Amino acid sequence: MTSSSQPPQLWDQLISQLPNPHFLQTYEWGQVKAKYGWQPIYLVWDKDGKMKEERTNLSSFIFPVQAACLVLKRTILNRGFAARLSVLYAPKGPLLDWKNEPLRTRVLNDLQSFARKQGAIFLKLDPDVVLARGVPNSEGDVTENSGQAVMFELRRRGWVYSSDQIQFRNSVLVDLTSTEDEILMRMKPKTRYNVRLAGKKDVTVRVGTENDLPMLYKMYAETSVRDGFVIRDENYYMTVWKTFIPHSAFRILPSAIPLIAEVDGEAVSAIFLFMFAGRGYYVYGMSRNAHREKMPTYLLQWEAIKHAKSNGCTAYDLWGAPEVFDESDSMWGVYRFKEGLGGEVVRTLGAYDFAPNKLWYKVYADIMPRVLDVMRSRGKQKTKQALE
């Protein structure tokens, strides 16, 4: 029977019952992207394996479902013969039991047909299909055969490993099923020491509110200029944060909690903890140069772990690990910090593209990196000018 829930609760409840649900597949994430040129399309596969598509009337979906996927669509050219050209992206989707080969075959067949009908230059997907666990070539390096089978099938079908990886392919997961003392003891000694040091140095952590958001964006902008990475404009982050913060009282719906570290009432660092369907995510981190010797970032992560655990999360995703696990990788320094928190490296499939039209895909792949380089350069300059 159909559910009487409103669209956000309906879709989020639906995907929360599927394997590896992710907050980037939620109704709320689709609504955020809808304000920035993307059209969210919601796909489900019913108990018989038949795909159903909706863009607005989510109440027509019938439980239970075997698979689901939020697909974001952006039109590239609006005029002339190329009016139907678009790009499609399923962030951290589709959601299904990837070990179920008949279901996997049906979903991939339907997605490829869907991409053709939409006039897509390509469809990009990057589900959390695990290829291996642990640092490569280490004692804890374990290959996941089921993930490898998915990778080989995609390649056999003509999907290609994307040159444009939107999300981090690898990450570090902290197991939250143990007690707080056990989680603390799994951390590296220096990390554990720094967590305690921050407390002794009168660093405190509080939960932020919407009133803190302008200050948090400014701190994030300062961090991006100092560390050399690109961020979007303030309106984008306000949209994301305000969309997710109101839901922090609900377990089913995704939520975002800003955690702010302070010294003598002055905000010195902060993170946003996102939570959905039993998993916490460290998505945005920001800091100032002041009081860094008091290790506020370590205490922030410990508080995020405790918040996630108390809200029913069984894992904490530290959102990003190196592609290459040595000092040559730009993520190496951040990874060493995350490694100290006692998590496990998880290496996933990454983003793969299906291109119905190989010619358009080649043109797009040749042009877009240059366009993005220009946009990133301008973005850095705008952020710096805004701070000044």
Protein backbone atom coordinates (compact mmCIF):
# COMPACT_ATOMS: atom_id res chain seq x y z
CA MET A 1 0.00 0.00 0.00
CA THR A 2 1.10 3.57 -0.48
CA SER A 3 2.48 5.56 2.43
CA SER A 4 0.64 8.61 3.76
CA SER A 5 3.91 10.33 4.72
CA GLN A 6 4.91 13.64 3.18
CA PRO A 7 7.52 13.43 0.37
CA PRO A 8 10.68 13.95 2.48
CA GLN A 9 9.69 11.38 5.09
CA LEU A 10 8.43 8.97 2.44
CA TRP A 11 11.54 8.96 0.26
CA ASP A 12 13.98 9.03 3.17
CA GLN A 13 12.14 6.20 4.93
CA LEU A 14 12.13 4.22 1.70
CA ILE A 15 15.87 4.49 1.06
CA SER A 16 16.77 4.03 4.74
CA GLN A 17 15.56 0.44 4.41
CA LEU A 18 17.92 -0.35 1.53
CA PRO A 19 21.60 -1.40 1.83
CA ASN A 20 24.12 1.43 2.45
CA PRO A 21 21.71 4.39 2.38
CA HIS A 22 23.56 7.69 2.01
CA PHE A 23 22.56 11.26 2.84
CA LEU A 24 23.48 12.33 -0.74
CA GLN A 25 20.57 10.15 -1.90
CA THR A 26 18.02 11.83 0.37
CA TYR A 27 15.06 13.93 -0.69
CA GLU A 28 16.66 16.95 0.98
CA TRP A 29 19.85 16.68 -1.07
CA GLY A 30 17.78 16.58 -4.24
CA GLN A 31 15.97 19.76 -3.14
CA VAL A 32 19.28 21.53 -2.45
CA LYS A 33 20.58 20.70 -5.92
CA ALA A 34 17.24 21.74 -7.47
CA LYS A 35 18.04 25.32 -6.44
CA TYR A 36 21.31 25.20 -8.39
CA GLY A 37 20.32 24.04 -11.85
CA TRP A 38 19.70 20.33 -11.27
CA GLN A 39 16.39 18.50 -11.62
CA PRO A 40 15.94 15.67 -9.09
CA ILE A 41 14.42 12.49 -10.48
CA TYR A 42 13.42 9.69 -8.10
CA LEU A 43 13.59 6.11 -9.36
CA VAL A 44 12.50 2.94 -7.57
CA TRP A 45 12.41 -0.74 -8.49
CA ASP A 46 9.40 -2.50 -6.97
CA LYS A 47 9.21 -6.00 -5.52
CA ASP A 48 8.88 -7.40 -9.06
CA GLY A 49 11.95 -5.51 -10.28
CA LYS A 50 10.00 -2.99 -12.37
CA MET A 51 11.39 0.57 -12.48
CA LYS A 52 9.08 3.49 -11.67
CA GLU A 53 10.02 7.14 -12.17
CA GLU A 54 8.70 10.19 -10.31
CA ARG A 55 9.75 13.83 -10.18
CA THR A 56 7.14 15.28 -7.83
CA ASN A 57 4.42 12.83 -6.73
CA LEU A 58 6.48 10.60 -4.45
CA SER A 59 3.32 9.39 -2.66
CA SER A 60 2.68 7.10 -5.65
CA PHE A 61 5.56 4.83 -4.65
CA ILE A 62 4.53 1.49 -3.17
CA PHE A 63 6.44 -0.32 -0.41
CA PRO A 64 8.49 -2.43 -0.32
CA VAL A 65 11.07 -1.70 -3.02
CA GLN A 66 14.21 -3.58 -4.05
CA ALA A 67 16.26 -0.60 -5.21
CA ALA A 68 16.11 3.18 -5.45
CA CYS A 69 18.09 6.01 -6.96
CA LEU A 70 18.05 9.79 -6.83
CA VAL A 71 19.28 10.98 -10.23
CA LEU A 72 20.21 14.62 -10.76
CA LYS A 73 19.71 15.96 -14.28
CA ARG A 74 21.24 19.11 -15.75
CA THR A 75 20.45 20.33 -19.26
CA ILE A 76 23.60 21.42 -21.12
CA LEU A 77 22.23 23.06 -24.26
CA ASN A 78 18.77 24.61 -24.40
CA ARG A 79 18.43 25.58 -28.05
CA GLY A 80 18.37 24.07 -31.48
CA PHE A 81 18.96 20.45 -32.34
CA ALA A 82 20.85 19.81 -29.09
CA ALA A 83 18.00 20.87 -26.80
CA ARG A 84 17.76 17.43 -25.18
CA LEU A 85 21.44 17.11 -24.28
CA SER A 86 21.95 16.66 -20.56
CA VAL A 87 24.20 15.13 -17.96
CA LEU A 88 22.96 12.78 -15.24
CA TYR A 89 24.51 12.07 -11.85
CA ALA A 90 23.42 9.62 -9.14
CA PRO A 91 25.43 10.74 -6.06
CA LYS A 92 26.28 7.66 -3.99
CA GLY A 93 23.61 5.73 -5.87
CA PRO A 94 21.89 3.60 -6.86
CA LEU A 95 20.97 1.87 -3.60
CA LEU A 96 20.48 -1.90 -3.77
CA ASP A 97 22.00 -5.21 -2.76
CA TRP A 98 24.87 -5.22 -5.24
CA LYS A 99 25.55 -8.90 -4.52
CA ASN A 100 22.13 -9.77 -5.98
CA GLU A 101 23.21 -10.37 -9.58
CA PRO A 102 19.74 -10.55 -11.23
CA LEU A 103 18.67 -7.33 -9.49
CA ARG A 104 21.97 -5.65 -10.33
CA THR A 105 21.55 -6.60 -14.00
CA ARG A 106 18.01 -5.23 -14.07
CA VAL A 107 18.93 -1.94 -12.41
CA LEU A 108 21.94 -1.32 -14.68
CA ASN A 109 19.92 -2.20 -17.78
CA ASP A 110 17.19 0.23 -16.75
CA LEU A 111 19.64 3.01 -15.91
CA GLN A 112 21.35 2.68 -19.28
CA SER A 113 17.97 2.83 -21.07
CA PHE A 114 16.98 5.80 -18.90
CA ALA A 115 20.18 7.65 -19.85
CA ARG A 116 19.50 7.13 -23.55
CA LYS A 117 15.89 8.35 -23.25
CA GLN A 118 17.02 11.46 -21.38
CA GLY A 119 19.43 12.41 -24.17
CA ALA A 120 22.29 12.16 -21.68
CA ILE A 121 25.89 12.82 -22.66
CA PHE A 122 26.66 10.52 -19.75
CA LEU A 123 25.23 9.07 -16.57
CA LYS A 124 27.64 9.11 -13.63
CA LEU A 125 27.20 6.90 -10.60
CA ASP A 126 29.43 6.36 -7.56
CA PRO A 127 27.74 3.94 -5.15
CA ASP A 128 29.45 2.84 -1.94
CA VAL A 129 30.49 -0.50 -3.42
CA VAL A 130 33.54 -1.62 -1.45
CA LEU A 131 36.49 -2.96 -3.48
CA ALA A 132 38.86 -3.45 -0.54
CA ARG A 133 39.49 -2.55 3.09
CA GLY A 134 42.69 -1.37 4.73
CA VAL A 135 45.70 0.48 3.38
CA PRO A 136 46.93 -1.08 0.08
CA ASN A 137 49.73 -3.61 0.49
CA SER A 138 49.48 -3.52 4.27
CA GLU A 139 48.79 -6.37 6.65
CA GLY A 140 45.14 -5.31 6.89
CA ASP A 141 44.57 -5.10 3.11
CA VAL A 142 41.52 -7.27 2.33
CA THR A 143 39.90 -7.49 -1.12
CA GLU A 144 36.09 -7.58 -1.38
CA ASN A 145 35.33 -10.04 -4.20
CA SER A 146 31.72 -8.90 -4.57
CA GLY A 147 32.85 -5.32 -5.19
CA GLN A 148 35.42 -6.47 -7.72
CA ALA A 149 32.65 -8.35 -9.57
CA VAL A 150 30.61 -5.14 -9.83
CA MET A 151 33.61 -3.25 -11.21
CA PHE A 152 34.29 -5.90 -13.85
CA GLU A 153 30.62 -5.94 -14.88
CA LEU A 154 30.52 -2.17 -15.33
CA ARG A 155 33.63 -2.31 -17.50
CA ARG A 156 32.20 -5.18 -19.53
CA ARG A 157 29.10 -3.06 -20.17
CA GLY A 158 31.22 -0.16 -21.44
CA TRP A 159 31.14 2.05 -18.34
CA VAL A 160 34.43 3.91 -17.87
CA TYR A 161 36.19 5.06 -14.72
CA SER A 162 35.41 8.78 -14.66
CA SER A 163 38.12 11.40 -14.99
CA ASP A 164 35.83 13.61 -12.88
CA GLN A 165 35.51 12.04 -9.42
CA ILE A 166 32.93 14.22 -7.63
CA GLN A 167 33.11 12.46 -4.25
CA PHE A 168 36.10 10.95 -2.49
CA ARG A 169 36.64 7.40 -3.68
CA ASN A 170 38.24 6.25 -0.41
CA SER A 171 37.36 7.08 3.16
CA VAL A 172 37.97 6.15 6.80
CA LEU A 173 35.14 4.64 8.86
CA VAL A 174 35.10 4.65 12.65
CA ASP A 175 33.12 1.78 14.20
CA LEU A 176 30.69 3.18 16.79
CA THR A 177 29.23 -0.12 18.00
CA SER A 178 31.75 -0.35 20.88
CA THR A 179 31.64 1.63 24.11
CA GLU A 180 33.04 5.15 24.23
CA ASP A 181 36.02 3.92 26.23
CA GLU A 182 36.75 1.23 23.64
CA ILE A 183 36.47 3.76 20.78
CA LEU A 184 38.86 6.07 22.61
CA MET A 185 41.33 3.23 23.19
CA ARG A 186 41.36 2.36 19.46
CA MET A 187 42.72 5.83 18.71
CA LYS A 188 46.45 6.31 18.33
CA PRO A 189 48.12 7.37 21.59
CA LYS A 190 48.99 10.85 20.31
CA THR A 191 45.42 11.45 19.13
CA ARG A 192 44.04 10.31 22.46
CA TYR A 193 46.53 12.57 24.23
CA ASN A 194 45.49 15.57 22.11
CA VAL A 195 41.79 14.96 22.82
CA ARG A 196 42.52 15.10 26.54
CA LEU A 197 44.92 18.02 26.17
CA ALA A 198 42.21 20.14 24.54
CA GLY A 199 39.96 19.57 27.53
CA LYS A 200 42.72 20.54 29.93
CA LYS A 201 43.43 23.71 27.93
CA ASP A 202 39.84 24.89 28.46
CA VAL A 203 38.65 24.14 24.94
CA THR A 204 34.87 23.66 24.99
CA VAL A 205 32.51 22.38 22.30
CA ARG A 206 28.92 23.45 21.82
CA VAL A 207 26.16 22.69 19.33
CA GLY A 208 25.67 25.61 16.96
CA THR A 209 22.43 27.15 15.71
CA GLU A 210 21.32 28.94 12.57
CA ASN A 211 22.52 32.18 14.14
CA ASP A 212 26.08 30.82 13.93
CA LEU A 213 25.97 30.08 10.20
CA PRO A 214 27.33 33.41 8.88
CA MET A 215 30.27 33.13 11.28
CA LEU A 216 30.85 29.51 10.26
CA TYR A 217 30.88 30.38 6.56
CA LYS A 218 33.43 33.13 7.18
CA MET A 219 35.63 30.66 9.07
CA TYR A 220 35.22 28.15 6.23
CA ALA A 221 36.24 30.81 3.70
CA GLU A 222 39.31 31.67 5.80
CA THR A 223 40.22 27.97 5.89
CA SER A 224 39.87 27.60 2.11
CA VAL A 225 42.12 30.59 1.43
CA ARG A 226 44.73 29.39 3.93
CA ASP A 227 44.75 25.77 2.76
CA GLY A 228 44.26 26.44 -0.96
CA PHE A 229 41.01 24.62 -1.74
CA VAL A 230 37.96 25.95 -3.59
CA ILE A 231 34.57 26.54 -1.98
CA ARG A 232 31.25 27.81 -3.30
CA ASP A 233 29.57 31.09 -2.43
CA GLU A 234 27.88 31.72 0.89
CA ASN A 235 24.33 31.22 -0.41
CA TYR A 236 25.09 27.63 -1.41
CA TYR A 237 26.28 26.61 2.05
CA MET A 238 23.42 28.46 3.73
CA THR A 239 21.03 26.45 1.55
CA VAL A 240 22.67 23.14 2.47
CA TRP A 241 23.00 23.87 6.17
CA LYS A 242 19.50 25.33 6.63
CA THR A 243 17.97 22.44 4.70
CA PHE A 244 19.47 19.81 6.99
CA ILE A 245 19.69 21.54 10.39
CA PRO A 246 15.91 21.65 11.11
CA HIS A 247 15.65 17.88 11.05
CA SER A 248 18.05 17.19 13.91
CA ALA A 249 15.24 15.98 16.16
CA PHE A 250 14.28 13.12 13.83
CA ARG A 251 16.04 9.78 13.44
CA ILE A 252 14.71 8.82 9.98
CA LEU A 253 15.26 12.19 8.34
CA PRO A 254 18.82 13.36 7.64
CA SER A 255 20.20 15.99 9.99
CA ALA A 256 23.19 18.29 10.28
CA ILE A 257 24.65 19.50 13.56
CA PRO A 258 27.29 22.24 13.65
CA LEU A 259 29.78 21.61 16.46
CA ILE A 260 31.83 24.64 17.45
CA ALA A 261 35.04 24.59 19.49
CA GLU A 262 35.65 27.69 21.57
CA VAL A 263 38.40 29.11 23.77
CA ASP A 264 37.23 31.77 26.23
CA GLY A 265 34.03 32.20 24.20
CA GLU A 266 35.88 32.67 20.88
CA ALA A 267 35.07 30.21 18.08
CA VAL A 268 38.34 28.69 16.85
CA SER A 269 37.21 25.66 14.83
CA ALA A 270 34.05 23.84 13.81
CA ILE A 271 32.70 20.87 11.90
CA PHE A 272 29.34 19.84 10.49
CA LEU A 273 28.17 16.39 11.53
CA PHE A 274 25.61 14.97 9.10
CA MET A 275 23.60 11.93 10.17
CA PHE A 276 21.29 9.62 8.28
CA ALA A 277 20.10 6.03 8.67
CA GLY A 278 22.66 4.95 11.24
CA ARG A 279 25.73 6.67 9.84
CA GLY A 280 27.42 9.95 10.75
CA TYR A 281 29.49 11.97 8.27
CA TYR A 282 32.21 14.58 8.78
CA VAL A 283 31.48 16.80 5.78
CA TYR A 284 32.68 20.38 6.38
CA GLY A 285 35.58 21.36 8.64
CA MET A 286 36.88 24.85 9.35
CA SER A 287 39.39 26.45 11.68
CA ARG A 288 41.27 29.62 12.56
CA ASN A 289 44.95 29.99 13.32
CA ALA A 290 44.24 31.14 16.87
CA HIS A 291 44.77 28.57 19.65
CA ARG A 292 45.71 25.74 17.31
CA GLU A 293 48.26 24.55 19.88
CA LYS A 294 45.33 23.69 22.17
CA MET A 295 44.20 20.97 19.71
CA PRO A 296 40.53 21.99 19.31
CA THR A 297 40.07 19.89 16.16
CA TYR A 298 40.81 16.69 18.09
CA LEU A 299 38.19 17.45 20.71
CA LEU A 300 35.70 18.34 17.97
CA GLN A 301 36.08 14.92 16.37
CA TRP A 302 35.66 13.18 19.70
CA GLU A 303 32.48 15.16 20.39
CA ALA A 304 31.20 14.34 16.88
CA ILE A 305 31.80 10.65 17.54
CA LYS A 306 29.87 10.85 20.81
CA HIS A 307 27.01 12.80 19.22
CA ALA A 308 26.74 10.34 16.35
CA LYS A 309 26.78 7.36 18.69
CA SER A 310 24.15 8.87 21.00
CA ASN A 311 21.91 9.46 17.95
CA GLY A 312 21.95 5.81 16.96
CA CYS A 313 24.79 5.85 14.43
CA THR A 314 26.88 2.68 14.19
CA ALA A 315 29.59 4.20 11.96
CA TYR A 316 31.25 7.59 11.49
CA ASP A 317 32.48 8.40 7.98
CA LEU A 318 35.48 10.74 8.03
CA TRP A 319 34.78 11.71 4.40
CA GLY A 320 37.89 11.23 2.37
CA ALA A 321 41.19 9.37 2.23
CA PRO A 322 44.04 9.47 -0.31
CA GLU A 323 43.79 7.95 -3.76
CA VAL A 324 47.46 6.99 -3.39
CA PHE A 325 48.55 6.13 0.14
CA ASP A 326 51.86 7.95 0.36
CA GLU A 327 53.14 11.48 0.93
CA SER A 328 52.74 12.41 -2.74
CA ASP A 329 48.96 12.53 -2.35
CA SER A 330 47.42 15.90 -1.46
CA MET A 331 45.19 14.17 1.09
CA TRP A 332 48.11 12.62 2.98
CA GLY A 333 48.31 15.15 5.82
CA VAL A 334 44.55 15.09 6.41
CA TYR A 335 44.59 11.30 6.27
CA ARG A 336 47.24 11.04 8.98
CA PHE A 337 44.97 13.09 11.24
CA LYS A 338 41.98 10.87 10.44
CA GLU A 339 44.04 7.70 10.79
CA GLY A 340 44.73 8.64 14.39
CA LEU A 341 41.01 8.39 15.20
CA GLY A 342 41.19 4.61 14.95
CA GLY A 343 39.05 4.04 11.87
CA GLU A 344 39.33 1.54 9.02
CA VAL A 345 40.27 2.56 5.48
CA VAL A 346 37.52 1.66 3.01
CA ARG A 347 38.30 1.76 -0.73
CA THR A 348 35.25 1.95 -2.96
CA LEU A 349 34.38 1.73 -6.64
CA GLY A 350 34.56 5.46 -7.32
CA ALA A 351 32.62 7.17 -10.11
CA TYR A 352 31.90 5.40 -13.40
CA ASP A 353 30.35 7.00 -16.48
CA PHE A 354 28.00 5.44 -19.02
CA ALA A 355 28.08 7.42 -22.28
CA PRO A 356 25.27 6.69 -24.78
CA ASN A 357 26.94 9.04 -27.25
CA LYS A 358 30.71 8.54 -27.29
CA LEU A 359 31.35 11.60 -29.49
CA TRP A 360 29.53 14.05 -27.21
CA TYR A 361 31.19 12.42 -24.20
CA LYS A 362 34.65 12.97 -25.70
CA VAL A 363 33.84 16.61 -26.50
CA TYR A 364 32.52 17.19 -22.99
CA ALA A 365 35.50 15.43 -21.38
CA ASP A 366 37.93 17.56 -23.40
CA ILE A 367 36.27 20.90 -22.69
CA MET A 368 35.00 20.65 -19.12
CA PRO A 369 38.35 20.26 -17.30
CA ARG A 370 39.49 23.58 -18.81
CA VAL A 371 36.19 25.25 -17.91
CA LEU A 372 36.40 23.92 -14.37
CA ASP A 373 40.00 25.13 -13.97
CA VAL A 374 38.89 28.65 -14.89
CA MET A 375 35.90 28.45 -12.54
CA ARG A 376 38.05 27.21 -9.65
CA SER A 377 40.57 29.98 -10.18
CA ARG A 378 37.81 32.59 -10.20
CA GLY A 379 36.20 30.96 -7.17
CA LYS A 380 39.40 31.21 -5.14
CA GLN A 381 39.79 34.86 -6.09
CA LYS A 382 36.16 35.68 -5.21
CA THR A 383 36.47 34.03 -1.80
CA LYS A 384 39.65 35.92 -1.07
CA GLN A 385 38.13 39.23 -2.19
CA ALA A 386 35.02 38.62 -0.06
CA LEU A 387 37.15 38.11 3.03
CA GLU A 388 39.16 41.24 2.32
